[in-house]
Each structure stands twice: as C-alpha cells, then as structure tokens.
Amino acid sequence: MPPLGRLVGLCAGVLLLFCAERASAQGRLDAQYEATLAGIPVGKGSWTIEIGDDTFSASAQGGTAGLLKAFSGGSGSGASQGRVVNGALAATSYTATTTTSKKSETIRMVLANGGIKESTIEPEPPVDADRLPVTDAQKKNVFDPMTGSFLRAPGNAELMSPDVCRTGAGVFDGRMRYDLKLDFKRVEIVKAERGYHGPALVCALYFVPISGYIPDRPVIKYLAAQRNIEVAFVPIAGTRLLVPFRMTIPTPLGQAMLEATSFVTTAAPPRVAKTQ
C-alpha cells in the first residue's frame, strides 16, 4: 500500500492493540466503525466480541472505501479465540488476513503460557536484511493484536477512573514487536448513531517499536514520535472490560479517525445452575 494507505491502515490496526488482563461476568459487543481522514470517509469495519464463562471469541473485518480505495483497495479480517481461566483471557489462536490490489497475506499464531508458541506468514515474505529480528525472548509475555483489544478496570475501581488508563502492553502482530503505553487524558460523553450513549475514558497512546520493523520506514518514525494519539474507551455491558470507541491520529494530511457508528453491547444473563 502507498504511504497514505499504510498510515490509515495502521491507525485501524492499532485500534485492536491493548492490554487484555482479566474479564468478569459475560457480555457481547456488535459494533460498526468508520475511518475518516481529514473528515473524508476512507474505510468501514465491524467488530464482534463474545465473552462467556469459560471461553471468549473476537472477530473483526473491514476495508478501504472512497478516496483510499482508489489508491489501495485494501481489506482485512482478524479473529482470536481462547479460554477464560480464573477470570483471565488466555488466547490460544489468532489469524489475520490482509488483501490489496497487489497481494494477499495471512498471519497465523498459536499462543500458550502468555506468549507466542508458533507464528507463520503465508506466503512467506522475502528476507529483508534491514528488518530488525524478533528474538524468542521478545515473544514472551506479549499479546496478539485481537486479544489485546481490551482495557480492564481492576478490582473495584470505577470504570472511568484515571488509573484504568495508566497501563501498557507488549504486542506481537506476527511480524513486528512493539509496546503500547497509555496515560489518562479526560472523561467525556460519546454517542453512537445506534447503541451506546454515555461516558468514555479518553487515554493518550504512545507507540514504541521494539523489533521486526525497518528503522528507516517513515511511518514507523512518525508514529513513534507522536504525542497526540488518543483512544476513547467505553465498557462492554456485564463486564469490567472497556474497548475502543474512537481513535484519533494526527497525520500530515489531516486527522485520521476510527470511530464507532453503531455500538450495541449487551450483558449475558447469569447462568443458572442445573437442578435435578
């Protein structure tokens, strides 16, 4: 994809990259998002999350539209699933496929014990001597992008507490290893065209590349230098998890934004114990 496509694509991708710690109770999210650049629509996507007593699943798909489609015609999908163990989300598999007018690529990962057990890229990309290698140690204590899509309010903390923002995570997306750090900015009211209307916890986001990238790439340098990236989180009903409702990234061509147009979240009814 051209530089514009890569930047907006990474904007959408970073939406799915936050620390997943512990879930509580059960809930479901069905959301639709729209991506804009300087106010011009450039893409749409959807996101579905289900959290149960013992398992969870999450899937997303989207594609470029309007102006951006004329340049790249890109689309993508991703999915993660795993177990809920003592309230913690433990992903076991992750898959992501991206397609442009020039190529299609699929990343698959198997996760275990809080890290990446296996990862493949199909078709296998050529070796680039300029790309910083990812070590085995850097694949431990990390999250895949989809499982890393949740922010948790720990303990009995208020969902909109500033401390909920003050966290970070290591992420491996199948090619690149990086850290994401969050900090509190404010609480504001957001409203989707359909569904959620209420408070959002707005956090600053800082992107720190670690390995698996080419240092001279302008988009990496640009994102690492940014201090004005924001993410607005809202809760999934029935849980203590918050997910991104809106994300904004300043770019040389104007503000890139990914925002929910529909955000329908419901709490699952409590499970009733069987009786004889």
Protein backbone atom coordinates (compact mmCIF):
# COMPACT_ATOMS: atom_id res chain seq x y z
CA MET A 1 0.00 0.00 0.00
CA PRO A 2 1.21 3.59 -0.56
CA PRO A 3 2.26 5.68 2.48
CA LEU A 4 -1.26 7.08 2.92
CA GLY A 5 -2.75 3.60 2.91
CA ARG A 6 -0.19 2.24 5.35
CA LEU A 7 -0.74 5.10 7.79
CA VAL A 8 -4.53 4.82 7.83
CA GLY A 9 -4.29 1.04 7.88
CA LEU A 10 -2.04 1.16 10.93
CA CYS A 11 -4.47 3.60 12.54
CA ALA A 12 -7.19 0.99 12.18
CA GLY A 13 -4.91 -1.80 13.27
CA VAL A 14 -3.72 -0.06 16.42
CA LEU A 15 -7.36 0.06 17.49
CA LEU A 16 -7.01 -3.64 18.26
CA LEU A 17 -3.82 -3.44 20.32
CA PHE A 18 -4.34 -3.00 24.03
CA CYS A 19 -3.70 -4.96 27.21
CA ALA A 20 -6.09 -7.81 27.98
CA GLU A 21 -5.90 -8.75 31.63
CA ARG A 22 -8.99 -10.09 33.37
CA ALA A 23 -12.60 -10.32 32.35
CA SER A 24 -15.53 -10.61 34.70
CA ALA A 25 -19.08 -11.80 34.04
CA GLN A 26 -20.23 -12.24 30.43
CA GLY A 27 -21.14 -9.86 27.65
CA ARG A 28 -21.34 -9.28 23.89
CA LEU A 29 -20.44 -6.43 21.57
CA ASP A 30 -21.60 -5.84 18.00
CA ALA A 31 -20.03 -2.68 16.59
CA GLN A 32 -19.58 -0.89 13.28
CA TYR A 33 -16.76 1.59 12.70
CA GLU A 34 -15.96 4.24 10.10
CA ALA A 35 -12.48 5.52 9.27
CA THR A 36 -12.01 9.09 8.06
CA LEU A 37 -9.03 11.19 7.01
CA ALA A 38 -9.45 14.96 7.35
CA GLY A 39 -13.18 14.30 7.57
CA ILE A 40 -13.31 12.23 4.36
CA PRO A 41 -14.57 8.61 4.72
CA VAL A 42 -11.82 6.15 3.75
CA GLY A 43 -12.98 2.84 5.25
CA LYS A 44 -15.52 0.85 7.26
CA GLY A 45 -15.32 -2.16 9.53
CA SER A 46 -17.13 -4.32 12.05
CA TRP A 47 -16.15 -5.91 15.35
CA THR A 48 -17.87 -8.68 17.32
CA ILE A 49 -16.80 -9.83 20.78
CA GLU A 50 -18.34 -12.57 22.93
CA ILE A 51 -17.18 -13.27 26.46
CA GLY A 52 -18.57 -16.35 28.22
CA ASP A 53 -17.93 -18.21 31.45
CA ASP A 54 -15.14 -20.38 30.04
CA THR A 55 -14.36 -19.14 26.52
CA PHE A 56 -14.16 -15.95 24.50
CA SER A 57 -14.03 -15.05 20.83
CA ALA A 58 -13.46 -11.85 18.88
CA SER A 59 -13.56 -11.12 15.15
CA ALA A 60 -13.18 -8.03 13.01
CA GLN A 61 -13.30 -7.21 9.34
CA GLY A 62 -13.09 -4.09 7.24
CA GLY A 63 -11.92 -2.45 4.06
CA THR A 64 -10.95 0.80 2.43
CA ALA A 65 -13.57 2.95 0.77
CA GLY A 66 -13.95 6.21 -1.10
CA LEU A 67 -10.72 8.09 -1.72
CA LEU A 68 -8.43 5.48 -0.18
CA LYS A 69 -9.97 2.64 -2.18
CA ALA A 70 -8.88 4.39 -5.36
CA PHE A 71 -5.26 4.03 -4.18
CA SER A 72 -5.15 0.63 -2.49
CA GLY A 73 -8.46 -1.23 -2.49
CA GLY A 74 -7.37 -2.93 0.72
CA SER A 75 -9.45 -5.15 3.00
CA GLY A 76 -8.74 -7.32 6.01
CA SER A 77 -10.12 -9.60 8.68
CA GLY A 78 -8.92 -10.93 12.00
CA ALA A 79 -10.07 -13.39 14.66
CA SER A 80 -8.93 -14.57 18.06
CA GLN A 81 -10.30 -17.15 20.43
CA GLY A 82 -9.32 -18.76 23.68
CA ARG A 83 -10.25 -19.62 27.22
CA VAL A 84 -11.29 -17.66 30.28
CA VAL A 85 -9.15 -19.03 33.12
CA ASN A 86 -9.73 -17.66 36.62
CA GLY A 87 -11.19 -14.58 35.01
CA ALA A 88 -8.21 -14.03 32.70
CA LEU A 89 -8.43 -14.06 28.89
CA ALA A 90 -5.96 -16.64 27.57
CA ALA A 91 -5.86 -16.62 23.77
CA THR A 92 -4.99 -19.89 22.04
CA SER A 93 -5.14 -18.80 18.38
CA TYR A 94 -5.05 -15.69 16.21
CA THR A 95 -5.49 -15.24 12.47
CA ALA A 96 -5.35 -12.10 10.32
CA THR A 97 -5.67 -11.75 6.55
CA THR A 98 -5.00 -8.59 4.53
CA THR A 99 -5.64 -8.18 0.81
CA THR A 100 -4.70 -5.35 -1.54
CA SER A 101 -4.72 -5.00 -5.30
CA LYS A 102 -1.15 -6.36 -5.32
CA LYS A 103 -1.18 -9.25 -2.85
CA SER A 104 -2.92 -11.22 -0.12
CA GLU A 105 -1.28 -12.27 3.13
CA THR A 106 -2.36 -14.40 6.12
CA ILE A 107 -0.76 -14.37 9.56
CA ARG A 108 -1.47 -17.27 11.94
CA MET A 109 -0.33 -17.57 15.52
CA VAL A 110 -0.67 -20.18 18.26
CA LEU A 111 -0.43 -18.86 21.81
CA ALA A 112 0.32 -20.59 25.11
CA ASN A 113 1.57 -19.63 28.58
CA GLY A 114 1.29 -15.92 27.96
CA GLY A 115 3.34 -15.83 24.77
CA ILE A 116 3.65 -16.81 21.13
CA LYS A 117 4.23 -20.54 20.62
CA GLU A 118 4.10 -20.56 16.81
CA SER A 119 3.65 -17.95 14.09
CA THR A 120 3.58 -18.10 10.29
CA ILE A 121 3.07 -15.71 7.39
CA GLU A 122 1.63 -17.05 4.13
CA PRO A 123 3.04 -16.62 1.60
CA GLU A 124 6.39 -16.46 3.37
CA PRO A 125 7.84 -12.97 2.84
CA PRO A 126 11.35 -12.49 1.46
CA VAL A 127 14.14 -11.89 3.98
CA ASP A 128 14.92 -8.20 4.40
CA ALA A 129 18.36 -7.56 5.88
CA ASP A 130 17.25 -4.11 7.11
CA ARG A 131 14.43 -5.53 9.28
CA LEU A 132 15.31 -5.83 12.96
CA PRO A 133 14.95 -9.51 14.00
CA VAL A 134 12.43 -10.54 16.66
CA THR A 135 14.01 -12.77 19.30
CA ASP A 136 12.31 -15.66 21.07
CA ALA A 137 12.53 -13.73 24.34
CA GLN A 138 10.59 -10.85 22.78
CA LYS A 139 7.71 -13.21 22.02
CA LYS A 140 7.16 -13.97 25.70
CA ASN A 141 4.76 -12.01 27.94
CA VAL A 142 3.07 -10.44 24.93
CA PHE A 143 -0.43 -10.32 23.47
CA ASP A 144 -1.72 -10.86 19.98
CA PRO A 145 -3.47 -7.81 18.48
CA MET A 146 -7.02 -9.14 18.79
CA THR A 147 -6.81 -10.43 22.35
CA GLY A 148 -5.06 -7.21 23.22
CA SER A 149 -8.19 -5.22 22.36
CA PHE A 150 -9.45 -4.81 25.92
CA LEU A 151 -8.69 -2.42 28.74
CA ARG A 152 -9.64 -3.66 32.20
CA ALA A 153 -10.85 -1.80 35.27
CA PRO A 154 -9.09 -3.81 38.00
CA GLY A 155 -10.59 -4.74 41.35
CA ASN A 156 -13.36 -2.40 42.46
CA ALA A 157 -12.01 0.61 40.59
CA GLU A 158 -14.50 2.87 38.86
CA LEU A 159 -14.68 2.16 35.12
CA MET A 160 -13.85 5.80 34.34
CA SER A 161 -11.03 6.08 36.89
CA PRO A 162 -7.82 7.77 35.62
CA ASP A 163 -5.82 4.82 36.98
CA VAL A 164 -7.52 2.49 34.47
CA CYS A 165 -5.70 4.40 31.71
CA ARG A 166 -2.30 4.16 33.33
CA THR A 167 -1.13 0.88 31.85
CA GLY A 168 0.69 -0.64 28.89
CA ALA A 169 1.27 -3.85 26.95
CA GLY A 170 3.73 -5.67 24.75
CA VAL A 171 2.29 -6.82 21.42
CA PHE A 172 3.45 -9.13 18.63
CA ASP A 173 1.40 -8.96 15.43
CA GLY A 174 3.13 -11.78 13.55
CA ARG A 175 5.80 -9.53 12.10
CA MET A 176 6.53 -6.64 14.46
CA ARG A 177 7.04 -6.47 18.21
CA TYR A 178 6.17 -3.20 19.94
CA ASP A 179 4.94 -1.70 23.21
CA LEU A 180 1.84 0.41 23.68
CA LYS A 181 1.70 2.75 26.65
CA LEU A 182 -1.41 4.55 27.87
CA ASP A 183 -2.00 7.54 30.13
CA PHE A 184 -5.11 9.37 31.33
CA LYS A 185 -6.38 12.47 29.50
CA ARG A 186 -10.06 13.04 30.36
CA VAL A 187 -13.59 11.64 30.60
CA GLU A 188 -16.17 12.76 28.02
CA ILE A 189 -19.61 11.79 26.73
CA VAL A 190 -19.82 9.93 23.39
CA LYS A 191 -22.81 8.87 21.34
CA ALA A 192 -23.06 6.34 18.51
CA GLU A 193 -25.71 6.65 15.82
CA ARG A 194 -27.03 3.37 17.20
CA GLY A 195 -26.43 1.91 20.64
CA TYR A 196 -24.07 3.37 23.21
CA HIS A 197 -24.54 6.86 24.66
CA GLY A 198 -22.55 7.60 27.79
CA PRO A 199 -19.14 8.31 29.32
CA ALA A 200 -15.87 7.39 27.65
CA LEU A 201 -12.43 7.14 29.22
CA VAL A 202 -10.01 9.01 26.94
CA CYS A 203 -6.39 7.83 27.11
CA ALA A 204 -3.23 9.05 25.42
CA LEU A 205 -1.46 6.34 23.41
CA TYR A 206 2.29 6.08 22.84
CA PHE A 207 3.70 3.65 20.27
CA VAL A 208 7.17 2.19 20.97
CA PRO A 209 8.62 -0.08 18.24
CA ILE A 210 10.90 -2.83 19.58
CA SER A 211 11.80 -5.18 16.71
CA GLY A 212 10.52 -6.74 13.50
CA TYR A 213 10.45 -3.42 11.65
CA ILE A 214 12.69 -1.47 9.26
CA PRO A 215 14.06 1.55 11.17
CA ASP A 216 14.14 3.84 8.14
CA ARG A 217 10.41 3.46 7.39
CA PRO A 218 8.85 6.96 7.65
CA VAL A 219 5.51 5.71 9.02
CA ILE A 220 7.24 3.97 11.94
CA LYS A 221 9.29 7.06 12.77
CA TYR A 222 6.21 9.24 12.53
CA LEU A 223 4.03 7.14 14.83
CA ALA A 224 6.82 6.67 17.39
CA ALA A 225 7.25 10.45 17.59
CA GLN A 226 3.54 11.21 18.08
CA ARG A 227 2.33 12.55 21.42
CA ASN A 228 -1.24 13.39 20.37
CA ILE A 229 -2.74 9.95 19.65
CA GLU A 230 -5.96 9.41 21.64
CA VAL A 231 -8.24 6.45 22.29
CA ALA A 232 -11.70 6.76 23.86
CA PHE A 233 -12.72 3.57 25.70
CA VAL A 234 -16.25 2.51 26.69
CA PRO A 235 -17.40 -0.60 28.61
CA ILE A 236 -18.82 -3.89 27.39
CA ALA A 237 -22.05 -4.39 29.33
CA GLY A 238 -21.89 -7.07 32.00
CA THR A 239 -18.08 -6.96 32.28
CA ARG A 240 -15.31 -4.78 33.67
CA LEU A 241 -13.73 -4.54 30.22
CA LEU A 242 -13.54 -1.40 28.11
CA VAL A 243 -12.94 -1.35 24.35
CA PRO A 244 -12.05 1.43 21.91
CA PHE A 245 -14.99 3.55 20.74
CA ARG A 246 -12.88 6.15 18.92
CA MET A 247 -9.24 6.57 17.99
CA THR A 248 -7.54 9.66 16.52
CA ILE A 249 -4.06 10.02 15.00
CA PRO A 250 -2.71 13.32 13.59
CA THR A 251 -1.21 12.93 10.11
CA PRO A 252 0.44 15.33 7.63
CA LEU A 253 -2.78 15.16 5.58
CA GLY A 254 -5.15 15.85 8.48
CA GLN A 255 -6.56 13.92 11.40
CA ALA A 256 -7.14 10.20 10.91
CA MET A 257 -10.05 8.88 12.95
CA LEU A 258 -11.65 5.50 13.54
CA GLU A 259 -15.00 5.86 15.33
CA ALA A 260 -17.96 3.64 16.13
CA THR A 261 -21.14 4.45 14.27
CA SER A 262 -23.01 1.56 15.89
CA PHE A 263 -22.03 0.17 19.29
CA VAL A 264 -24.52 -2.34 20.68
CA THR A 265 -23.37 -4.11 23.82
CA THR A 266 -25.43 -6.46 25.98
CA ALA A 267 -24.82 -8.36 29.21
CA ALA A 268 -25.38 -12.10 29.04
CA PRO A 269 -27.98 -13.41 31.50
CA PRO A 270 -26.50 -15.14 34.55
CA ARG A 271 -26.04 -18.87 34.16
CA VAL A 272 -28.48 -20.85 36.27
CA ALA A 273 -27.15 -23.95 37.96
CA LYS A 274 -28.79 -27.19 36.86
CA THR A 275 -31.02 -28.93 39.36
CA GLN A 276 -32.39 -32.41 39.33
